[in-house]
Structure formats: C-alpha cells, structure tokens
Amino acid sequence: QVHLEESGGGLVQPGGSLRVSCAASGSFVSIGSMGWYRRASEKVSELVASITIDGTTNYAEAVKGRFTISRDNAKNTVTLQMNSLKPEDTAVYYCTAETNLLYGKKYTGWGPGTQVTVSS
C-alpha cells in the first residue's frame, strides 16, 4: 500500500505562485501515473494535472499555461508548480499515485490534501 505525504500550499495573493509537493512511500513494485486533483468548497473534485512515468503530462484547461507538473522517479515525488494563481484556484489539492503491486495488482493512493487559498 502507498502512503502519500503532501507539502506546500498555503495562502497567496492573486497573481502569485505556490508549489505543492508529494512524496510516496510504502510497499509497491513501481509507480505509474501521478497527479493532482482539487476540490473547491461545494464542488466536485477535478483533475488538475497528471504525469506518466515517462513524463507525458496532461492538464485541465483551466490551468494550462499556468501550472506545471513534474516528478522525480528516483525519489517517488511529484510537484505542482502553480503560477499566476487566481481566486478560483482556491481548493484542497490532493496528490494521487497509481502503484503497481505484486501479481499484477494495482492500487491508487490519495494524499490527505493540502489547502491552497488565493485571496487578497
């Protein structure tokens, strides 16, 4: 099973930048895709960005050109650099990791979430 620990987040003014990071640990053979979801108050969760093991990225339209996802496969970490932040980016951000286990099994883990608030 995978344990995900997020760091970063916080309060930033509109137009500012923040970085959230996530480290994966636990018992797994390897990690496939990693990503970030977010859930704003009274809204459903949405995929923000994802990255495959070979570095292929995918972004939500709302964050394209402003957010950058990256990963370090050696350290099992994923980072989301968020620039030009807007109030509508305010949400709890969750890290996810799809892990490959023994016998061909897979397990997708979720972090506890970190709050990002964009406000003046």
PDB file of N, CA and C in Angstrom:
ATOM      1  N   GLN A   1       0.852  -1.179   0.000  1.00  0.00           N
ATOM      2  CA  GLN A   1       0.000   0.000   0.000  1.00  0.00           C
ATOM      3  C   GLN A   1       0.890   1.232   0.000  1.00  0.00           C
ATOM      4  N   VAL A   2       0.416   2.309  -0.629  1.00  0.00           N
ATOM      5  CA  VAL A   2       1.214   3.512  -0.749  1.00  0.00           C
ATOM      6  C   VAL A   2       0.747   4.557   0.248  1.00  0.00           C
ATOM      7  N   HIS A   3       1.702   5.282   0.791  1.00  0.00           N
ATOM      8  CA  HIS A   3       1.424   6.412   1.674  1.00  0.00           C
ATOM      9  C   HIS A   3       1.905   7.669   0.966  1.00  0.00           C
ATOM     10  N   LEU A   4       1.014   8.651   0.840  1.00  0.00           N
ATOM     11  CA  LEU A   4       1.354   9.893   0.164  1.00  0.00           C
ATOM     12  C   LEU A   4       1.355  11.033   1.163  1.00  0.00           C
ATOM     13  N   GLU A   5       2.417  11.803   1.157  1.00  0.00           N
ATOM     14  CA  GLU A   5       2.531  12.931   2.070  1.00  0.00           C
ATOM     15  C   GLU A   5       2.747  14.194   1.263  1.00  0.00           C
ATOM     16  N   GLU A   6       1.830  15.147   1.384  1.00  0.00           N
ATOM     17  CA  GLU A   6       1.901  16.408   0.652  1.00  0.00           C
ATOM     18  C   GLU A   6       2.563  17.476   1.499  1.00  0.00           C
ATOM     19  N   SER A   7       3.151  18.434   0.821  1.00  0.00           N
ATOM     20  CA  SER A   7       3.725  19.596   1.491  1.00  0.00           C
ATOM     21  C   SER A   7       3.545  20.807   0.585  1.00  0.00           C
ATOM     22  N   GLY A   8       3.640  21.983   1.182  1.00  0.00           N
ATOM     23  CA  GLY A   8       3.422  23.204   0.421  1.00  0.00           C
ATOM     24  C   GLY A   8       2.001  23.681   0.597  1.00  0.00           C
ATOM     25  N   GLY A   9       1.544  24.489  -0.313  1.00  0.00           N
ATOM     26  CA  GLY A   9       0.220  25.072  -0.177  1.00  0.00           C
ATOM     27  C   GLY A   9       0.261  26.272   0.743  1.00  0.00           C
ATOM     28  N   GLY A  10      -0.918  26.820   1.011  1.00  0.00           N
ATOM     29  CA  GLY A  10      -0.999  27.974   1.886  1.00  0.00           C
ATOM     30  C   GLY A  10      -1.800  29.088   1.261  1.00  0.00           C
ATOM     31  N   LEU A  11      -1.519  30.304   1.727  1.00  0.00           N
ATOM     32  CA  LEU A  11      -2.252  31.488   1.287  1.00  0.00           C
ATOM     33  C   LEU A  11      -1.360  32.330   0.382  1.00  0.00           C
ATOM     34  N   VAL A  12      -1.902  32.759  -0.736  1.00  0.00           N
ATOM     35  CA  VAL A  12      -1.140  33.582  -1.671  1.00  0.00           C
ATOM     36  C   VAL A  12      -2.088  34.600  -2.302  1.00  0.00           C
ATOM     37  N   GLN A  13      -1.555  35.730  -2.684  1.00  0.00           N
ATOM     38  CA  GLN A  13      -2.359  36.749  -3.344  1.00  0.00           C
ATOM     39  C   GLN A  13      -2.571  36.396  -4.821  1.00  0.00           C
ATOM     40  N   PRO A  14      -3.640  36.902  -5.409  1.00  0.00           N
ATOM     41  CA  PRO A  14      -3.855  36.674  -6.843  1.00  0.00           C
ATOM     42  C   PRO A  14      -2.638  37.110  -7.653  1.00  0.00           C
ATOM     43  N   GLY A  15      -2.283  36.269  -8.623  1.00  0.00           N
ATOM     44  CA  GLY A  15      -1.102  36.539  -9.426  1.00  0.00           C
ATOM     45  C   GLY A  15       0.161  35.938  -8.871  1.00  0.00           C
ATOM     46  N   GLY A  16       0.102  35.442  -7.672  1.00  0.00           N
ATOM     47  CA  GLY A  16       1.278  34.864  -7.025  1.00  0.00           C
ATOM     48  C   GLY A  16       1.511  33.414  -7.424  1.00  0.00           C
ATOM     49  N   SER A  17       2.510  32.817  -6.794  1.00  0.00           N
ATOM     50  CA  SER A  17       2.901  31.437  -7.096  1.00  0.00           C
ATOM     51  C   SER A  17       2.979  30.601  -5.823  1.00  0.00           C
ATOM     52  N   LEU A  18       2.740  29.327  -5.997  1.00  0.00           N
ATOM     53  CA  LEU A  18       2.886  28.362  -4.921  1.00  0.00           C
ATOM     54  C   LEU A  18       3.357  27.048  -5.523  1.00  0.00           C
ATOM     55  N   ARG A  19       3.993  26.257  -4.682  1.00  0.00           N
ATOM     56  CA  ARG A  19       4.407  24.929  -5.110  1.00  0.00           C
ATOM     57  C   ARG A  19       3.922  23.922  -4.090  1.00  0.00           C
ATOM     58  N   VAL A  20       3.305  22.861  -4.568  1.00  0.00           N
ATOM     59  CA  VAL A  20       2.920  21.750  -3.709  1.00  0.00           C
ATOM     60  C   VAL A  20       3.673  20.510  -4.160  1.00  0.00           C
ATOM     61  N   SER A  21       4.139  19.760  -3.191  1.00  0.00           N
ATOM     62  CA  SER A  21       4.901  18.551  -3.494  1.00  0.00           C
ATOM     63  C   SER A  21       4.292  17.359  -2.772  1.00  0.00           C
ATOM     64  N   CYS A  22       4.625  16.185  -3.266  1.00  0.00           N
ATOM     65  CA  CYS A  22       4.073  14.969  -2.688  1.00  0.00           C
ATOM     66  C   CYS A  22       5.120  13.869  -2.783  1.00  0.00           C
ATOM     67  N   ALA A  23       5.314  13.163  -1.679  1.00  0.00           N
ATOM     68  CA  ALA A  23       6.259  12.058  -1.648  1.00  0.00           C
ATOM     69  C   ALA A  23       5.516  10.769  -1.368  1.00  0.00           C
ATOM     70  N   ALA A  24       5.832   9.747  -2.148  1.00  0.00           N
ATOM     71  CA  ALA A  24       5.189   8.448  -1.994  1.00  0.00           C
ATOM     72  C   ALA A  24       6.131   7.467  -1.309  1.00  0.00           C
ATOM     73  N   SER A  25       5.576   6.695  -0.409  1.00  0.00           N
ATOM     74  CA  SER A  25       6.351   5.659   0.262  1.00  0.00           C
ATOM     75  C   SER A  25       5.446   4.474   0.524  1.00  0.00           C
ATOM     76  N   GLY A  26       6.049   3.350   0.893  1.00  0.00           N
ATOM     77  CA  GLY A  26       5.244   2.173   1.196  1.00  0.00           C
ATOM     78  C   GLY A  26       5.689   0.955   0.422  1.00  0.00           C
ATOM     79  N   SER A  27       4.817  -0.010   0.328  1.00  0.00           N
ATOM     80  CA  SER A  27       5.125  -1.279  -0.317  1.00  0.00           C
ATOM     81  C   SER A  27       4.488  -1.335  -1.701  1.00  0.00           C
ATOM     82  N   PHE A  28       5.290  -1.170  -2.714  1.00  0.00           N
ATOM     83  CA  PHE A  28       4.813  -1.279  -4.090  1.00  0.00           C
ATOM     84  C   PHE A  28       5.999  -1.611  -4.975  1.00  0.00           C
ATOM     85  N   VAL A  29       5.708  -2.142  -6.141  1.00  0.00           N
ATOM     86  CA  VAL A  29       6.765  -2.505  -7.079  1.00  0.00           C
ATOM     87  C   VAL A  29       7.252  -1.264  -7.819  1.00  0.00           C
ATOM     88  N   SER A  30       6.307  -0.477  -8.279  1.00  0.00           N
ATOM     89  CA  SER A  30       6.644   0.750  -9.001  1.00  0.00           C
ATOM     90  C   SER A  30       5.435   1.673  -8.989  1.00  0.00           C
ATOM     91  N   ILE A  31       5.664   2.886  -9.452  1.00  0.00           N
ATOM     92  CA  ILE A  31       4.586   3.873  -9.541  1.00  0.00           C
ATOM     93  C   ILE A  31       4.342   4.215 -10.996  1.00  0.00           C
ATOM     94  N   GLY A  32       3.104   4.189 -11.391  1.00  0.00           N
ATOM     95  CA  GLY A  32       2.746   4.582 -12.744  1.00  0.00           C
ATOM     96  C   GLY A  32       2.460   6.070 -12.775  1.00  0.00           C
ATOM     97  N   SER A  33       1.257   6.423 -13.144  1.00  0.00           N
ATOM     98  CA  SER A  33       0.894   7.835 -13.212  1.00  0.00           C
ATOM     99  C   SER A  33       0.783   8.454 -11.824  1.00  0.00           C
ATOM    100  N   MET A  34       1.164   9.725 -11.758  1.00  0.00           N
ATOM    101  CA  MET A  34       0.970  10.514 -10.553  1.00  0.00           C
ATOM    102  C   MET A  34       0.224  11.771 -10.965  1.00  0.00           C
ATOM    103  N   GLY A  35      -0.462  12.372 -10.008  1.00  0.00           N
ATOM    104  CA  GLY A  35      -1.220  13.553 -10.400  1.00  0.00           C
ATOM    105  C   GLY A  35      -1.742  14.338  -9.220  1.00  0.00           C
ATOM    106  N   TRP A  36      -2.447  15.387  -9.574  1.00  0.00           N
ATOM    107  CA  TRP A  36      -3.065  16.259  -8.579  1.00  0.00           C
ATOM    108  C   TRP A  36      -4.529  16.496  -8.953  1.00  0.00           C
ATOM    109  N   TYR A  37      -5.398  16.326  -7.973  1.00  0.00           N
ATOM    110  CA  TYR A  37      -6.794  16.702  -8.084  1.00  0.00           C
ATOM    111  C   TYR A  37      -7.016  17.871  -7.129  1.00  0.00           C
ATOM    112  N   ARG A  38      -8.131  18.542  -7.322  1.00  0.00           N
ATOM    113  CA  ARG A  38      -8.509  19.578  -6.368  1.00  0.00           C
ATOM    114  C   ARG A  38     -10.014  19.561  -6.182  1.00  0.00           C
ATOM    115  N   ARG A  39     -10.420  20.008  -5.016  1.00  0.00           N
ATOM    116  CA  ARG A  39     -11.840  20.116  -4.714  1.00  0.00           C
ATOM    117  C   ARG A  39     -12.086  21.436  -4.011  1.00  0.00           C
ATOM    118  N   ALA A  40     -12.821  22.290  -4.706  1.00  0.00           N
ATOM    119  CA  ALA A  40     -13.206  23.559  -4.110  1.00  0.00           C
ATOM    120  C   ALA A  40     -14.452  23.343  -3.266  1.00  0.00           C
ATOM    121  N   SER A  41     -14.720  24.274  -2.390  1.00  0.00           N
ATOM    122  CA  SER A  41     -15.863  24.149  -1.496  1.00  0.00           C
ATOM    123  C   SER A  41     -17.153  23.948  -2.284  1.00  0.00           C
ATOM    124  N   GLU A  42     -17.903  22.937  -1.926  1.00  0.00           N
ATOM    125  CA  GLU A  42     -19.211  22.627  -2.520  1.00  0.00           C
ATOM    126  C   GLU A  42     -19.132  22.328  -4.012  1.00  0.00           C
ATOM    127  N   LYS A  43     -17.987  21.857  -4.454  1.00  0.00           N
ATOM    128  CA  LYS A  43     -17.827  21.456  -5.850  1.00  0.00           C
ATOM    129  C   LYS A  43     -17.254  20.047  -5.910  1.00  0.00           C
ATOM    130  N   VAL A  44     -17.384  19.414  -7.053  1.00  0.00           N
ATOM    131  CA  VAL A  44     -16.832  18.076  -7.206  1.00  0.00           C
ATOM    132  C   VAL A  44     -15.336  18.159  -7.463  1.00  0.00           C
ATOM    133  N   SER A  45     -14.651  17.084  -7.199  1.00  0.00           N
ATOM    134  CA  SER A  45     -13.216  17.042  -7.445  1.00  0.00           C
ATOM    135  C   SER A  45     -12.945  17.077  -8.948  1.00  0.00           C
ATOM    136  N   GLU A  46     -11.838  17.689  -9.294  1.00  0.00           N
ATOM    137  CA  GLU A  46     -11.448  17.739 -10.696  1.00  0.00           C
ATOM    138  C   GLU A  46      -9.966  17.457 -10.834  1.00  0.00           C
ATOM    139  N   LEU A  47      -9.612  16.824 -11.921  1.00  0.00           N
ATOM    140  CA  LEU A  47      -8.209  16.574 -12.207  1.00  0.00           C
ATOM    141  C   LEU A  47      -7.546  17.882 -12.596  1.00  0.00           C
ATOM    142  N   VAL A  48      -6.444  18.185 -11.954  1.00  0.00           N
ATOM    143  CA  VAL A  48      -5.679  19.391 -12.266  1.00  0.00           C
ATOM    144  C   VAL A  48      -4.587  19.068 -13.282  1.00  0.00           C
ATOM    145  N   ALA A  49      -3.803  18.047 -12.961  1.00  0.00           N
ATOM    146  CA  ALA A  49      -2.705  17.663 -13.841  1.00  0.00           C
ATOM    147  C   ALA A  49      -2.268  16.247 -13.505  1.00  0.00           C
ATOM    148  N   SER A  50      -1.723  15.566 -14.504  1.00  0.00           N
ATOM    149  CA  SER A  50      -1.186  14.234 -14.276  1.00  0.00           C
ATOM    150  C   SER A  50       0.083  14.069 -15.105  1.00  0.00           C
ATOM    151  N   ILE A  51       0.890  13.090 -14.687  1.00  0.00           N
ATOM    152  CA  ILE A  51       2.143  12.838 -15.383  1.00  0.00           C
ATOM    153  C   ILE A  51       2.433  11.347 -15.340  1.00  0.00           C
ATOM    154  N   THR A  52       2.785  10.779 -16.487  1.00  0.00           N
ATOM    155  CA  THR A  52       3.104   9.362 -16.545  1.00  0.00           C
ATOM    156  C   THR A  52       4.567   9.144 -16.158  1.00  0.00           C
ATOM    157  N   ILE A  53       4.944   7.890 -16.057  1.00  0.00           N
ATOM    158  CA  ILE A  53       6.314   7.573 -15.647  1.00  0.00           C
ATOM    159  C   ILE A  53       7.332   8.055 -16.675  1.00  0.00           C
ATOM    160  N   ASP A  54       6.922   8.170 -17.925  1.00  0.00           N
ATOM    161  CA  ASP A  54       7.859   8.640 -18.942  1.00  0.00           C
ATOM    162  C   ASP A  54       7.767  10.143 -19.157  1.00  0.00           C
ATOM    163  N   GLY A  55       6.990  10.824 -18.313  1.00  0.00           N
ATOM    164  CA  GLY A  55       6.951  12.279 -18.344  1.00  0.00           C
ATOM    165  C   GLY A  55       5.871  12.901 -19.192  1.00  0.00           C
ATOM    166  N   THR A  56       4.960  12.110 -19.734  1.00  0.00           N
ATOM    167  CA  THR A  56       3.856  12.674 -20.501  1.00  0.00           C
ATOM    168  C   THR A  56       2.882  13.360 -19.546  1.00  0.00           C
ATOM    169  N   THR A  57       2.551  14.598 -19.850  1.00  0.00           N
ATOM    170  CA  THR A  57       1.707  15.377 -18.950  1.00  0.00           C
ATOM    171  C   THR A  57       0.338  15.651 -19.540  1.00  0.00           C
ATOM    172  N   ASN A  58      -0.601  15.925 -18.641  1.00  0.00           N
ATOM    173  CA  ASN A  58      -1.968  16.264 -19.027  1.00  0.00           C
ATOM    174  C   ASN A  58      -2.453  17.313 -18.048  1.00  0.00           C
ATOM    175  N   TYR A  59      -3.090  18.368 -18.570  1.00  0.00           N
ATOM    176  CA  TYR A  59      -3.546  19.459 -17.727  1.00  0.00           C
ATOM    177  C   TYR A  59      -5.019  19.774 -17.973  1.00  0.00           C
ATOM    178  N   ALA A  60      -5.681  20.207 -16.931  1.00  0.00           N
ATOM    179  CA  ALA A  60      -7.025  20.741 -17.082  1.00  0.00           C
ATOM    180  C   ALA A  60      -6.918  22.052 -17.867  1.00  0.00           C
ATOM    181  N   GLU A  61      -7.929  22.331 -18.680  1.00  0.00           N
ATOM    182  CA  GLU A  61      -7.914  23.546 -19.485  1.00  0.00           C
ATOM    183  C   GLU A  61      -7.732  24.792 -18.624  1.00  0.00           C
ATOM    184  N   ALA A  62      -8.319  24.768 -17.450  1.00  0.00           N
ATOM    185  CA  ALA A  62      -8.309  25.953 -16.589  1.00  0.00           C
ATOM    186  C   ALA A  62      -6.914  26.312 -16.081  1.00  0.00           C
ATOM    187  N   VAL A  63      -5.977  25.365 -16.136  1.00  0.00           N
ATOM    188  CA  VAL A  63      -4.644  25.637 -15.577  1.00  0.00           C
ATOM    189  C   VAL A  63      -3.540  25.592 -16.615  1.00  0.00           C
ATOM    190  N   LYS A  64      -3.877  25.254 -17.834  1.00  0.00           N
ATOM    191  CA  LYS A  64      -2.857  25.178 -18.883  1.00  0.00           C
ATOM    192  C   LYS A  64      -2.131  26.510 -19.025  1.00  0.00           C
ATOM    193  N   GLY A  65      -0.817  26.426 -19.115  1.00  0.00           N
ATOM    194  CA  GLY A  65      -0.005  27.626 -19.251  1.00  0.00           C
ATOM    195  C   GLY A  65       0.344  28.285 -17.934  1.00  0.00           C
ATOM    196  N   ARG A  66      -0.295  27.870 -16.858  1.00  0.00           N
ATOM    197  CA  ARG A  66      -0.022  28.454 -15.533  1.00  0.00           C
ATOM    198  C   ARG A  66       0.588  27.454 -14.565  1.00  0.00           C
ATOM    199  N   PHE A  67       0.175  26.200 -14.670  1.00  0.00           N
ATOM    200  CA  PHE A  67       0.651  25.161 -13.761  1.00  0.00           C
ATOM    201  C   PHE A  67       1.600  24.233 -14.513  1.00  0.00           C
ATOM    202  N   THR A  68       2.569  23.708 -13.774  1.00  0.00           N
ATOM    203  CA  THR A  68       3.499  22.740 -14.336  1.00  0.00           C
ATOM    204  C   THR A  68       3.667  21.575 -13.363  1.00  0.00           C
ATOM    205  N   ILE A  69       3.445  20.376 -13.869  1.00  0.00           N
ATOM    206  CA  ILE A  69       3.631  19.185 -13.043  1.00  0.00           C
ATOM    207  C   ILE A  69       4.944  18.523 -13.437  1.00  0.00           C
ATOM    208  N   SER A  70       5.642  18.013 -12.442  1.00  0.00           N
ATOM    209  CA  SER A  70       6.898  17.309 -12.692  1.00  0.00           C
ATOM    210  C   SER A  70       7.039  16.193 -11.666  1.00  0.00           C
ATOM    211  N   ARG A  71       7.939  15.279 -11.932  1.00  0.00           N
ATOM    212  CA  ARG A  71       8.145  14.170 -10.996  1.00  0.00           C
ATOM    213  C   ARG A  71       9.605  13.762 -10.980  1.00  0.00           C
ATOM    214  N   ASP A  72       9.983  13.157  -9.873  1.00  0.00           N
ATOM    215  CA  ASP A  72      11.320  12.586  -9.726  1.00  0.00           C
ATOM    216  C   ASP A  72      11.120  11.107  -9.456  1.00  0.00           C
ATOM    217  N   ASN A  73      11.351  10.291 -10.448  1.00  0.00           N
ATOM    218  CA  ASN A  73      11.089   8.859 -10.311  1.00  0.00           C
ATOM    219  C   ASN A  73      12.016   8.200  -9.283  1.00  0.00           C
ATOM    220  N   ALA A  74      13.210   8.706  -9.153  1.00  0.00           N
ATOM    221  CA  ALA A  74      14.151   8.124  -8.186  1.00  0.00           C
ATOM    222  C   ALA A  74      13.700   8.372  -6.751  1.00  0.00           C
ATOM    223  N   LYS A  75      13.035   9.496  -6.534  1.00  0.00           N
ATOM    224  CA  LYS A  75      12.607   9.859  -5.180  1.00  0.00           C
ATOM    225  C   LYS A  75      11.119   9.608  -4.954  1.00  0.00           C
ATOM    226  N   ASN A  76      10.418   9.166  -6.002  1.00  0.00           N
ATOM    227  CA  ASN A  76       8.969   8.926  -5.900  1.00  0.00           C
ATOM    228  C   ASN A  76       8.225  10.174  -5.444  1.00  0.00           C
ATOM    229  N   THR A  77       8.562  11.283  -6.066  1.00  0.00           N
ATOM    230  CA  THR A  77       7.898  12.537  -5.726  1.00  0.00           C
ATOM    231  C   THR A  77       7.257  13.157  -6.962  1.00  0.00           C
ATOM    232  N   VAL A  78       6.234  13.957  -6.714  1.00  0.00           N
ATOM    233  CA  VAL A  78       5.575  14.720  -7.769  1.00  0.00           C
ATOM    234  C   VAL A  78       5.348  16.129  -7.249  1.00  0.00           C
ATOM    235  N   THR A  79       5.555  17.102  -8.109  1.00  0.00           N
ATOM    236  CA  THR A  79       5.453  18.502  -7.721  1.00  0.00           C
ATOM    237  C   THR A  79       4.547  19.244  -8.691  1.00  0.00           C
ATOM    238  N   LEU A  80       3.773  20.155  -8.141  1.00  0.00           N
ATOM    239  CA  LEU A  80       2.916  21.012  -8.961  1.00  0.00           C
ATOM    240  C   LEU A  80       3.324  22.458  -8.695  1.00  0.00           C
ATOM    241  N   GLN A  81       3.886  23.084  -9.697  1.00  0.00           N
ATOM    242  CA  GLN A  81       4.245  24.488  -9.615  1.00  0.00           C
ATOM    243  C   GLN A  81       3.075  25.296 -10.161  1.00  0.00           C
ATOM    244  N   MET A  82       2.557  26.184  -9.333  1.00  0.00           N
ATOM    245  CA  MET A  82       1.375  26.952  -9.709  1.00  0.00           C
ATOM    246  C   MET A  82       1.732  28.436  -9.791  1.00  0.00           C
ATOM    247  N   ASN A  83       1.612  28.993 -10.977  1.00  0.00           N
ATOM    248  CA  ASN A  83       1.901  30.402 -11.208  1.00  0.00           C
ATOM    249  C   ASN A  83       0.639  31.146 -11.621  1.00  0.00           C
ATOM    250  N   SER A  84       0.704  32.457 -11.542  1.00  0.00           N
ATOM    251  CA  SER A  84      -0.431  33.302 -11.944  1.00  0.00           C
ATOM    252  C   SER A  84      -1.727  32.810 -11.313  1.00  0.00           C
ATOM    253  N   LEU A  85      -1.668  32.566 -10.035  1.00  0.00           N
ATOM    254  CA  LEU A  85      -2.825  31.989  -9.342  1.00  0.00           C
ATOM    255  C   LEU A  85      -4.006  32.945  -9.319  1.00  0.00           C
ATOM    256  N   LYS A  86      -5.191  32.356  -9.393  1.00  0.00           N
ATOM    257  CA  LYS A  86      -6.445  33.100  -9.396  1.00  0.00           C
ATOM    258  C   LYS A  86      -7.292  32.671  -8.203  1.00  0.00           C
ATOM    259  N   PRO A  87      -8.204  33.514  -7.770  1.00  0.00           N
ATOM    260  CA  PRO A  87      -9.084  33.119  -6.661  1.00  0.00           C
ATOM    261  C   PRO A  87      -9.816  31.799  -6.928  1.00  0.00           C
ATOM    262  N   GLU A  88     -10.146  31.545  -8.168  1.00  0.00           N
ATOM    263  CA  GLU A  88     -10.852  30.300  -8.486  1.00  0.00           C
ATOM    264  C   GLU A  88      -9.973  29.065  -8.397  1.00  0.00           C
ATOM    265  N   ASP A  89      -8.682  29.244  -8.157  1.00  0.00           N
ATOM    266  CA  ASP A  89      -7.798  28.108  -7.904  1.00  0.00           C
ATOM    267  C   ASP A  89      -7.857  27.657  -6.445  1.00  0.00           C
ATOM    268  N   THR A  90      -8.551  28.416  -5.631  1.00  0.00           N
ATOM    269  CA  THR A  90      -8.686  28.063  -4.218  1.00  0.00           C
ATOM    270  C   THR A  90      -9.379  26.719  -4.072  1.00  0.00           C
ATOM    271  N   ALA A  91      -8.728  25.804  -3.374  1.00  0.00           N
ATOM    272  CA  ALA A  91      -9.261  24.448  -3.229  1.00  0.00           C
ATOM    273  C   ALA A  91      -8.329  23.646  -2.326  1.00  0.00           C
ATOM    274  N   VAL A  92      -8.793  22.461  -1.965  1.00  0.00           N
ATOM    275  CA  VAL A  92      -7.905  21.477  -1.347  1.00  0.00           C
ATOM    276  C   VAL A  92      -7.310  20.650  -2.490  1.00  0.00           C
ATOM    277  N   TYR A  93      -5.998  20.556  -2.502  1.00  0.00           N
ATOM    278  CA  TYR A  93      -5.293  19.838  -3.554  1.00  0.00           C
ATOM    279  C   TYR A  93      -4.846  18.476  -3.030  1.00  0.00           C
ATOM    280  N   TYR A  94      -5.162  17.440  -3.812  1.00  0.00           N
ATOM    281  CA  TYR A  94      -4.862  16.068  -3.414  1.00  0.00           C
ATOM    282  C   TYR A  94      -3.881  15.440  -4.402  1.00  0.00           C
ATOM    283  N   CYS A  95      -2.881  14.800  -3.859  1.00  0.00           N
ATOM    284  CA  CYS A  95      -1.918  14.063  -4.658  1.00  0.00           C
ATOM    285  C   CYS A  95      -2.435  12.635  -4.856  1.00  0.00           C
ATOM    286  N   THR A  96      -2.214  12.079  -6.033  1.00  0.00           N
ATOM    287  CA  THR A  96      -2.560  10.687  -6.288  1.00  0.00           C
ATOM    288  C   THR A  96      -1.389   9.970  -6.949  1.00  0.00           C
ATOM    289  N   ALA A  97      -1.339   8.669  -6.713  1.00  0.00           N
ATOM    290  CA  ALA A  97      -0.302   7.856  -7.336  1.00  0.00           C
ATOM    291  C   ALA A  97      -0.869   6.480  -7.627  1.00  0.00           C
ATOM    292  N   GLU A  98      -0.697   6.035  -8.850  1.00  0.00           N
ATOM    293  CA  GLU A  98      -1.134   4.690  -9.228  1.00  0.00           C
ATOM    294  C   GLU A  98       0.058   3.756  -9.054  1.00  0.00           C
ATOM    295  N   THR A  99      -0.060   2.833  -8.136  1.00  0.00           N
ATOM    296  CA  THR A  99       1.072   1.955  -7.852  1.00  0.00           C
ATOM    297  C   THR A  99       0.849   0.563  -8.432  1.00  0.00           C
ATOM    298  N   ASN A 100       1.927  -0.043  -8.820  1.00  0.00           N
ATOM    299  CA  ASN A 100       1.918  -1.417  -9.301  1.00  0.00           C
ATOM    300  C   ASN A 100       2.388  -2.322  -8.168  1.00  0.00           C
ATOM    301  N   LEU A 101       1.556  -3.311  -7.848  1.00  0.00           N
ATOM    302  CA  LEU A 101       1.861  -4.208  -6.729  1.00  0.00           C
ATOM    303  C   LEU A 101       2.260  -5.578  -7.282  1.00  0.00           C
ATOM    304  N   LEU A 102       2.494  -6.500  -6.389  1.00  0.00           N
ATOM    305  CA  LEU A 102       2.822  -7.862  -6.801  1.00  0.00           C
ATOM    306  C   LEU A 102       1.639  -8.524  -7.490  1.00  0.00           C
ATOM    307  N   TYR A 103       1.941  -9.504  -8.329  1.00  0.00           N
ATOM    308  CA  TYR A 103       0.919 -10.311  -9.003  1.00  0.00           C
ATOM    309  C   TYR A 103       0.035  -9.474  -9.920  1.00  0.00           C
ATOM    310  N   GLY A 104       0.582  -8.389 -10.443  1.00  0.00           N
ATOM    311  CA  GLY A 104      -0.156  -7.598 -11.424  1.00  0.00           C
ATOM    312  C   GLY A 104      -1.237  -6.694 -10.861  1.00  0.00           C
ATOM    313  N   LYS A 105      -1.312  -6.621  -9.563  1.00  0.00           N
ATOM    314  CA  LYS A 105      -2.342  -5.780  -8.967  1.00  0.00           C
ATOM    315  C   LYS A 105      -1.926  -4.314  -8.993  1.00  0.00           C
ATOM    316  N   LYS A 106      -2.936  -3.473  -8.946  1.00  0.00           N
ATOM    317  CA  LYS A 106      -2.700  -2.031  -8.913  1.00  0.00           C
ATOM    318  C   LYS A 106      -3.475  -1.412  -7.764  1.00  0.00           C
ATOM    319  N   TYR A 107      -2.957  -0.303  -7.286  1.00  0.00           N
ATOM    320  CA  TYR A 107      -3.632   0.417  -6.200  1.00  0.00           C
ATOM    321  C   TYR A 107      -3.373   1.895  -6.383  1.00  0.00           C
ATOM    322  N   THR A 108      -4.441   2.689  -6.338  1.00  0.00           N
ATOM    323  CA  THR A 108      -4.293   4.144  -6.439  1.00  0.00           C
ATOM    324  C   THR A 108      -4.443   4.769  -5.065  1.00  0.00           C
ATOM    325  N   GLY A 109      -3.395   5.411  -4.634  1.00  0.00           N
ATOM    326  CA  GLY A 109      -3.416   6.051  -3.328  1.00  0.00           C
ATOM    327  C   GLY A 109      -3.708   7.535  -3.433  1.00  0.00           C
ATOM    328  N   TRP A 110      -4.224   8.084  -2.348  1.00  0.00           N
ATOM    329  CA  TRP A 110      -4.539   9.510  -2.270  1.00  0.00           C
ATOM    330  C   TRP A 110      -3.871  10.110  -1.046  1.00  0.00           C
ATOM    331  N   GLY A 111      -3.387  11.330  -1.185  1.00  0.00           N
ATOM    332  CA  GLY A 111      -2.876  12.049  -0.037  1.00  0.00           C
ATOM    333  C   GLY A 111      -4.015  12.664   0.757  1.00  0.00           C
ATOM    334  N   PRO A 112      -3.723  13.182   1.947  1.00  0.00           N
ATOM    335  CA  PRO A 112      -4.760  13.762   2.803  1.00  0.00           C
ATOM    336  C   PRO A 112      -5.253  15.117   2.310  1.00  0.00           C
ATOM    337  N   GLY A 113      -4.489  15.756   1.394  1.00  0.00           N
ATOM    338  CA  GLY A 113      -4.899  17.051   0.864  1.00  0.00           C
ATOM    339  C   GLY A 113      -4.173  18.202   1.532  1.00  0.00           C
ATOM    340  N   THR A 114      -3.961  19.247   0.757  1.00  0.00           N
ATOM    341  CA  THR A 114      -3.349  20.461   1.284  1.00  0.00           C
ATOM    342  C   THR A 114      -4.134  21.656   0.747  1.00  0.00           C
ATOM    343  N   GLN A 115      -4.401  22.608   1.628  1.00  0.00           N
ATOM    344  CA  GLN A 115      -5.236  23.755   1.264  1.00  0.00           C
ATOM    345  C   GLN A 115      -4.419  24.799   0.511  1.00  0.00           C
ATOM    346  N   VAL A 116      -4.975  25.245  -0.601  1.00  0.00           N
ATOM    347  CA  VAL A 116      -4.416  26.376  -1.351  1.00  0.00           C
ATOM    348  C   VAL A 116      -5.490  27.452  -1.395  1.00  0.00           C
ATOM    349  N   THR A 117      -5.155  28.625  -0.883  1.00  0.00           N
ATOM    350  CA  THR A 117      -6.102  29.732  -0.852  1.00  0.00           C
ATOM    351  C   THR A 117      -5.496  30.921  -1.586  1.00  0.00           C
ATOM    352  N   VAL A 118      -6.227  31.415  -2.576  1.00  0.00           N
ATOM    353  CA  VAL A 118      -5.775  32.569  -3.357  1.00  0.00           C
ATOM    354  C   VAL A 118      -6.718  33.727  -3.036  1.00  0.00           C
ATOM    355  N   SER A 119      -6.190  34.681  -2.316  1.00  0.00           N
ATOM    356  CA  SER A 119      -7.038  35.787  -1.856  1.00  0.00           C
ATOM    357  C   SER A 119      -6.179  36.999  -1.528  1.00  0.00           C
ATOM    358  N   SER A 120      -6.761  38.167  -1.739  1.00  0.00           N
ATOM    359  CA  SER A 120      -6.061  39.402  -1.382  1.00  0.00           C
ATOM    360  C   SER A 120      -6.469  39.857   0.006  1.00  0.00           C
TER     361      SER A 120
END
